[in-house]
Protein backbone atom coordinates (compact mmCIF):
# COMPACT_ATOMS: atom_id res chain seq x y z
CA MET A 1 7.19 -16.47 0.30
CA ALA A 2 6.81 -12.70 0.75
CA VAL A 3 7.57 -12.12 -2.94
CA ILE A 4 4.84 -14.55 -3.98
CA ALA A 5 2.40 -12.88 -1.59
CA ALA A 6 3.39 -9.44 -2.88
CA VAL A 7 2.80 -10.46 -6.50
CA ALA A 8 -0.56 -12.04 -5.61
CA ILE A 9 -1.67 -8.90 -3.76
CA GLY A 10 -0.44 -6.70 -6.59
CA LEU A 11 -2.30 -8.73 -9.20
CA SER A 12 -5.48 -8.57 -7.15
CA PHE A 13 -5.26 -4.75 -7.04
CA SER A 14 -4.41 -4.40 -10.74
CA THR A 15 -7.33 -3.36 -12.90
CA ALA A 16 -8.19 -4.14 -16.49
CA ALA A 17 -8.43 -1.53 -19.20
CA PRO A 18 -11.65 0.46 -19.17
CA ALA A 19 -14.34 -0.62 -21.62
CA SER A 20 -14.00 2.63 -23.55
CA ALA A 21 -10.38 1.75 -24.40
CA THR A 22 -11.47 -1.29 -26.41
CA THR A 23 -13.67 0.57 -28.89
CA PRO A 24 -12.34 0.87 -32.46
CA ALA A 25 -12.30 4.67 -32.24
CA ALA A 26 -10.22 4.63 -29.08
CA MET A 27 -7.82 2.05 -30.51
CA THR A 28 -7.10 4.09 -33.64
CA ASP A 29 -6.78 7.55 -32.04
CA VAL A 30 -3.28 7.38 -30.58
CA TYR A 31 -0.74 4.60 -30.57
CA THR A 32 0.64 3.88 -27.16
CA PRO A 33 3.33 1.24 -27.11
CA PRO A 34 2.69 -1.71 -24.83
CA PRO A 35 4.59 -1.80 -21.57
CA SER A 36 7.87 -3.62 -21.54
CA PRO A 37 7.91 -7.12 -20.02
CA LEU A 38 9.97 -5.81 -17.11
CA ILE A 39 7.35 -3.18 -16.24
CA ALA A 40 4.58 -5.75 -16.63
CA MET A 41 6.31 -8.08 -14.17
CA VAL A 42 7.48 -5.47 -11.67
CA THR A 43 4.27 -3.44 -11.32
CA PRO A 44 2.27 -6.11 -9.43
CA LEU A 45 5.29 -6.80 -7.23
CA THR A 46 5.63 -3.10 -6.45
CA ILE A 47 1.96 -2.69 -5.61
CA GLY A 48 2.04 -5.82 -3.45
CA MET A 49 5.13 -4.64 -1.58
CA HIS A 50 3.46 -1.27 -0.87
CA VAL A 51 0.38 -3.04 0.50
CA ILE A 52 2.48 -5.36 2.67
CA ASP A 53 4.56 -2.40 3.89
CA ALA A 54 1.42 -0.44 4.81
CA ILE A 55 -0.01 -3.42 6.72
CA ALA A 56 3.28 -3.94 8.57
CA GLU A 57 3.51 -0.26 9.45
CA GLY A 58 -0.04 -0.30 10.78
CA LEU A 59 0.64 -3.36 12.90
CA ALA A 60 3.84 -1.80 14.27
CA SER A 61 1.96 1.37 15.19
CA ALA A 62 -0.75 -0.65 16.93
CA VAL A 63 1.80 -2.68 18.90
CA GLU A 64 3.65 0.48 19.90
CA PHE A 65 0.39 2.12 21.01
CA ILE A 66 -0.65 -0.91 23.06
CA ALA A 67 2.79 -1.49 24.61
CA THR A 68 3.42 2.12 25.65
CA PRO A 69 2.52 2.58 29.31
CA PRO A 70 0.48 5.58 30.36
CA PRO A 71 2.46 8.56 31.63
CA ILE A 72 3.18 8.75 35.33
CA ALA A 73 1.14 11.43 37.04
CA ILE A 74 3.20 13.36 39.56
CA PRO A 75 1.01 15.24 42.01
CA ALA A 76 1.61 18.93 42.37
CA PRO A 77 3.24 20.02 45.64
CA THR A 78 0.91 21.31 48.28
CA THR A 79 1.14 24.97 49.06
CA LYS A 80 0.00 26.67 52.23
CA THR A 81 -1.19 30.21 52.04
């Protein structure tokens, strides 16, 4: 279930190529090989896992902040002069 969610999140954050990359001049300037199928499949998963990890870390920090009791105040000893 988490893998499916990670891929869905990763695909939602993935962006398409910029419009300038689809012009004939840009396509003929330099040949860049297409990404391998493994990279194409793993990149959305990686992005999704980073997003899920960041959310989980934020929730853990919030729970730790809420659950930590305030420090105990010890009054200073009285001194007589």
